[in-house]
N, C-alpha and C. Protein backbone atom coordinates (compact mmCIF):
# COMPACT_ATOMS: atom_id res chain seq x y z
N UNK A 1 170.67 69.61 19.27
CA UNK A 1 170.60 69.73 20.54
C UNK A 1 170.08 70.94 20.51
N UNK A 2 171.42 71.42 19.34
CA UNK A 2 171.97 73.18 18.61
C UNK A 2 170.34 74.24 17.68
N UNK A 3 170.02 72.19 17.55
CA UNK A 3 168.06 72.99 16.20
C UNK A 3 167.39 73.29 16.91
N UNK A 4 167.00 73.22 18.34
CA UNK A 4 166.20 73.56 18.82
C UNK A 4 167.00 74.60 19.88
N UNK A 5 167.62 74.64 19.91
CA UNK A 5 168.18 76.01 20.69
C UNK A 5 167.85 76.78 20.10
N UNK A 6 168.24 76.59 18.80
CA UNK A 6 168.09 78.34 17.77
C UNK A 6 166.40 78.23 16.98
N UNK A 7 165.29 76.83 17.00
CA UNK A 7 164.25 77.60 17.37
C UNK A 7 163.57 78.50 18.66
N UNK A 8 164.55 78.20 19.81
CA UNK A 8 163.87 78.51 21.15
C UNK A 8 163.91 80.05 20.83
N UNK A 9 165.09 80.21 20.48
CA UNK A 9 165.76 82.07 20.11
C UNK A 9 164.54 81.66 19.75
N UNK A 10 164.82 81.47 18.39
CA UNK A 10 164.11 82.48 17.56
C UNK A 10 162.15 82.88 17.79
N UNK A 11 161.59 81.77 18.02
CA UNK A 11 160.63 82.04 18.75
C UNK A 11 160.47 82.88 20.02
N UNK A 12 161.70 83.06 20.55
CA UNK A 12 161.32 83.89 22.13
C UNK A 12 161.14 85.19 21.20
N UNK A 13 162.53 85.85 20.47
CA UNK A 13 162.57 86.97 19.60
C UNK A 13 160.47 86.70 18.59
N UNK A 14 160.50 86.23 18.40
CA UNK A 14 158.58 86.53 18.08
C UNK A 14 158.23 87.30 18.72
N UNK A 15 157.94 86.97 19.98
CA UNK A 15 156.94 86.84 21.04
C UNK A 15 157.53 87.62 21.90
N UNK A 16 158.94 88.85 21.85
CA UNK A 16 159.44 89.84 22.55
C UNK A 16 158.52 91.33 21.56
N UNK A 17 158.91 90.67 19.98
CA UNK A 17 158.86 91.89 19.42
C UNK A 17 156.83 91.98 18.72
N UNK A 18 156.16 90.99 19.62
CA UNK A 18 154.89 90.84 18.74
C UNK A 18 154.41 91.62 18.63
N UNK A 19 154.00 92.84 20.23
CA UNK A 19 153.12 93.89 19.80
C UNK A 19 153.50 94.81 19.02
N UNK A 20 154.57 94.19 18.41
CA UNK A 20 155.15 95.89 17.83
C UNK A 20 155.10 95.58 16.41
N UNK A 21 155.66 96.60 15.34
CA UNK A 21 155.78 97.55 14.07
C UNK A 21 156.84 97.42 13.43
N UNK A 22 157.14 97.28 12.79
CA UNK A 22 158.43 98.58 11.70
C UNK A 22 157.86 98.93 11.15
N UNK A 23 158.24 100.36 11.31
CA UNK A 23 158.00 101.63 11.01
C UNK A 23 158.17 101.38 9.02
N UNK A 24 159.43 100.89 8.63
CA UNK A 24 159.30 100.95 7.39
C UNK A 24 158.30 100.21 6.93
N UNK A 25 158.00 99.13 7.15
CA UNK A 25 157.64 98.29 6.22
C UNK A 25 155.55 98.48 6.76
N UNK A 26 155.56 99.13 7.62
CA UNK A 26 153.92 99.52 7.81
C UNK A 26 152.79 99.87 7.63
N UNK A 27 152.15 99.65 6.62
CA UNK A 27 150.59 100.45 6.28
C UNK A 27 149.44 101.66 7.02
N UNK A 28 150.02 102.41 6.15
CA UNK A 28 149.73 103.54 6.93
C UNK A 28 149.09 104.61 6.03
N UNK A 29 147.51 104.99 5.81
CA UNK A 29 146.10 105.13 4.96
C UNK A 29 146.28 106.48 5.30
N UNK A 30 145.83 107.35 4.55
CA UNK A 30 145.69 109.12 5.59
C UNK A 30 144.14 108.66 5.57
N UNK A 31 143.53 107.97 4.79
CA UNK A 31 141.47 107.52 4.85
C UNK A 31 141.85 106.90 6.20
N UNK A 32 140.75 107.49 7.16
CA UNK A 32 140.02 106.84 7.74
C UNK A 32 139.33 105.10 7.50
N UNK A 33 139.05 104.52 9.34
CA UNK A 33 138.84 102.51 7.77
C UNK A 33 137.14 103.34 8.15
N UNK A 34 136.73 102.68 7.57
CA UNK A 34 135.52 102.54 7.89
C UNK A 34 134.51 101.96 8.98
N UNK A 35 133.15 102.94 9.90
CA UNK A 35 133.23 102.17 11.32
C UNK A 35 132.72 100.83 10.71
N UNK A 36 132.94 99.38 11.52
CA UNK A 36 133.50 97.93 11.35
C UNK A 36 132.01 97.45 11.98
N UNK A 37 131.92 97.14 10.78
CA UNK A 37 130.60 95.68 11.08
C UNK A 37 130.17 95.62 12.24
N UNK A 38 128.93 94.75 12.25
CA UNK A 38 128.96 94.16 13.70
C UNK A 38 129.52 92.95 13.24
N UNK A 39 130.38 92.07 14.56
CA UNK A 39 130.98 90.67 14.21
C UNK A 39 130.23 90.15 14.10
N UNK A 40 129.28 89.04 14.86
CA UNK A 40 128.72 88.82 15.89
C UNK A 40 128.98 87.34 15.29
N UNK A 41 129.30 86.41 15.65
CA UNK A 41 130.05 84.58 15.42
C UNK A 41 129.00 84.73 13.77
N UNK A 42 129.36 83.43 12.79
CA UNK A 42 128.66 83.36 12.29
C UNK A 42 128.85 81.32 12.51
N UNK A 43 127.56 80.79 12.05
CA UNK A 43 128.04 79.72 12.24
C UNK A 43 128.30 78.55 13.78
N UNK A 44 129.17 77.66 13.74
CA UNK A 44 129.30 76.56 14.35
C UNK A 44 131.24 77.41 14.55
N UNK A 45 131.71 76.59 15.10
CA UNK A 45 132.99 76.49 15.10
C UNK A 45 133.45 74.33 15.26
N UNK A 46 134.45 74.54 14.28
CA UNK A 46 134.30 72.86 13.04
C UNK A 46 134.95 71.98 14.32
N UNK A 47 135.90 72.96 15.45
CA UNK A 47 136.65 71.90 16.09
C UNK A 47 135.90 73.46 18.39
N UNK A 48 136.07 71.53 18.26
CA UNK A 48 135.70 72.76 20.16
C UNK A 48 136.36 72.95 20.83
N UNK A 49 137.06 74.10 21.36
CA UNK A 49 137.72 74.76 21.68
C UNK A 49 137.82 75.61 21.00
N UNK A 50 137.99 76.24 19.68
CA UNK A 50 137.33 77.50 18.52
C UNK A 50 136.97 78.50 19.26
N UNK A 51 137.61 79.57 19.22
CA UNK A 51 137.49 81.21 19.03
C UNK A 51 136.37 81.46 17.63
N UNK A 52 135.83 82.53 17.63
CA UNK A 52 135.54 83.18 17.36
C UNK A 52 136.58 84.83 16.50
N UNK A 53 137.30 84.96 15.80
CA UNK A 53 138.45 86.12 15.35
C UNK A 53 137.05 87.29 14.09
N UNK A 54 136.99 88.62 15.35
CA UNK A 54 135.72 88.93 14.58
C UNK A 54 136.81 89.79 12.81
N UNK A 55 136.03 90.03 11.97
CA UNK A 55 136.49 90.47 10.83
C UNK A 55 137.00 91.94 10.98
N UNK A 56 137.32 92.13 9.70
CA UNK A 56 138.19 93.49 10.21
C UNK A 56 138.62 94.05 8.51
N UNK A 57 138.83 95.85 8.86
CA UNK A 57 138.42 96.18 7.04
C UNK A 57 140.34 96.47 6.68
N UNK A 58 140.80 95.49 5.14
CA UNK A 58 141.76 95.58 4.99
C UNK A 58 142.26 96.80 3.50
N UNK A 59 143.73 97.59 4.38
CA UNK A 59 144.07 98.61 2.96
C UNK A 59 144.21 97.43 1.69
N UNK A 60 143.53 98.61 0.06
CA UNK A 60 143.82 97.10 -0.59
C UNK A 60 144.11 98.80 -1.77
N UNK A 61 145.36 98.96 -1.95
CA UNK A 61 145.82 100.05 -3.11
C UNK A 61 146.58 100.19 -2.48
N UNK A 62 148.08 100.95 -2.40
CA UNK A 62 149.23 102.11 -2.68
C UNK A 62 148.49 103.09 -1.09
N UNK A 63 149.12 103.80 -0.87
CA UNK A 63 149.53 104.76 0.72
C UNK A 63 148.43 105.94 -0.40
N UNK A 64 148.70 106.32 -1.84
CA UNK A 64 147.33 107.57 -1.97
C UNK A 64 146.93 106.33 -2.64
N UNK A 65 146.30 105.91 -3.35
CA UNK A 65 145.08 105.04 -3.95
C UNK A 65 145.03 103.79 -3.72
N UNK A 66 143.84 103.61 -3.38
CA UNK A 66 143.39 102.56 -2.95
C UNK A 66 142.39 102.29 -2.43
N UNK A 67 141.35 101.27 -1.28
CA UNK A 67 139.46 101.49 -0.81
C UNK A 67 140.36 100.18 0.92
N UNK A 68 139.59 100.41 1.39
CA UNK A 68 138.92 99.73 2.06
C UNK A 68 137.71 97.78 1.51
N UNK A 69 138.54 97.49 2.36
CA UNK A 69 137.74 96.26 1.69
C UNK A 69 137.50 94.72 3.39
N UNK A 70 136.31 94.69 2.90
CA UNK A 70 136.04 93.81 4.77
C UNK A 70 136.29 92.36 4.99
N UNK A 71 137.29 92.25 6.06
CA UNK A 71 137.16 90.74 5.75
C UNK A 71 136.85 90.34 7.08
N UNK A 72 135.48 88.58 6.69
CA UNK A 72 135.27 89.22 7.01
C UNK A 72 135.92 87.64 8.41
N UNK A 73 135.18 87.50 9.52
CA UNK A 73 135.96 87.02 10.56
C UNK A 73 135.33 84.75 10.49
N UNK A 74 136.04 84.64 10.99
CA UNK A 74 136.61 82.79 11.26
C UNK A 74 136.49 82.81 12.63
N UNK A 75 136.50 81.30 12.58
CA UNK A 75 136.83 80.95 13.65
C UNK A 75 138.08 79.85 13.58
N UNK A 76 139.09 79.93 14.95
CA UNK A 76 140.30 79.96 14.97
C UNK A 76 140.05 79.10 15.97
N UNK A 77 141.57 78.17 15.24
CA UNK A 77 142.40 77.12 17.26
C UNK A 77 143.14 78.08 16.91
N UNK A 78 142.77 78.35 19.06
CA UNK A 78 143.73 78.74 19.36
C UNK A 78 145.18 77.97 19.25
N UNK A 79 146.05 79.02 19.75
CA UNK A 79 147.58 77.80 19.10
C UNK A 79 148.26 77.59 21.18
N UNK A 80 148.05 77.86 21.87
CA UNK A 80 148.06 76.92 23.40
C UNK A 80 147.41 77.32 24.37
N UNK A 81 146.75 76.33 25.24
CA UNK A 81 145.59 76.28 26.56
C UNK A 81 145.33 77.96 26.88
N UNK A 82 144.77 79.06 26.96
CA UNK A 82 144.77 80.17 27.85
C UNK A 82 145.01 81.17 27.57
N UNK A 83 145.33 81.16 25.68
CA UNK A 83 145.83 81.89 24.59
C UNK A 83 144.23 83.02 24.27
N UNK A 84 144.15 84.04 24.18
CA UNK A 84 143.76 84.74 23.60
C UNK A 84 143.71 85.70 22.53
N UNK A 85 142.72 86.17 21.04
CA UNK A 85 141.98 86.43 20.15
C UNK A 85 142.88 88.56 20.69
N UNK A 86 143.81 89.53 20.13
CA UNK A 86 143.92 90.71 19.92
C UNK A 86 143.17 90.81 18.39
N UNK A 87 141.82 91.25 18.03
CA UNK A 87 141.44 91.55 16.98
C UNK A 87 142.37 92.87 16.37
N UNK A 88 143.12 92.42 15.48
CA UNK A 88 143.68 94.63 14.12
C UNK A 88 143.11 95.34 13.54
N UNK A 89 143.74 95.99 14.49
CA UNK A 89 142.81 97.42 14.59
C UNK A 89 143.34 98.43 13.37
N UNK A 90 143.04 100.23 12.93
CA UNK A 90 143.61 100.73 12.65
C UNK A 90 144.13 101.65 13.71
N UNK A 91 144.98 102.01 13.92
CA UNK A 91 145.62 103.18 15.18
C UNK A 91 145.65 104.33 14.58
N UNK A 92 144.98 105.38 14.64
CA UNK A 92 145.27 106.46 14.11
C UNK A 92 146.78 107.55 14.64
N UNK A 93 147.70 107.30 13.41
CA UNK A 93 149.19 108.38 14.40
C UNK A 93 149.35 109.10 12.76
N UNK A 94 150.74 110.07 13.58
CA UNK A 94 151.14 110.89 12.60
C UNK A 94 150.70 110.80 11.26
N UNK A 95 149.86 112.08 11.22
CA UNK A 95 149.83 110.96 9.00
C UNK A 95 148.67 110.70 8.73
N UNK A 96 148.25 109.50 9.98
CA UNK A 96 147.81 108.84 8.54
C UNK A 96 146.96 107.56 9.44
N UNK A 97 147.10 107.10 9.47
CA UNK A 97 146.26 105.90 10.51
C UNK A 97 146.79 104.41 10.19
N UNK A 98 147.50 103.34 10.88
CA UNK A 98 148.41 102.79 10.68
C UNK A 98 147.76 100.71 10.79
N UNK A 99 147.66 100.13 10.78
CA UNK A 99 147.47 98.83 10.46
C UNK A 99 148.40 98.19 12.18
N UNK A 100 147.30 97.48 12.63
CA UNK A 100 148.15 97.34 13.91
C UNK A 100 147.57 95.58 13.60
N UNK A 101 148.30 95.21 13.37
CA UNK A 101 147.81 92.60 13.20
C UNK A 101 146.39 92.20 13.78
N UNK A 102 146.16 91.65 13.45
CA UNK A 102 145.70 91.24 15.23
C UNK A 102 146.60 89.87 15.11
N UNK A 103 146.87 88.55 16.74
CA UNK A 103 147.38 88.62 16.87
C UNK A 103 146.65 87.62 18.07
N UNK A 104 147.51 85.82 18.78
CA UNK A 104 146.96 85.54 20.04
C UNK A 104 148.15 86.22 21.72
N UNK A 105 147.35 86.75 22.08
CA UNK A 105 147.89 87.20 23.07
C UNK A 105 148.47 85.75 24.47
């Protein structure tokens, strides 16, 4: 019973902060990301109910030196019925661009 309660509290904490990021560990870069590629679905889902999650650019390197690399989209299974995929994105912020990871909502 106690393990179940702790797991529930931990899950609630993760869900509550799902849209936030830790400024100390956030990935931000000064160079703007390239324009997103066309991200139409490739192939077919391997199971019924899967959703296409579009590709995105990831930054490889540290803040001053590095480059953007394209990560291809893929088919994914939603964690629960009615879940909607929110694609990752680069958000302009003071001093550069901050990566906001994709997530299920």
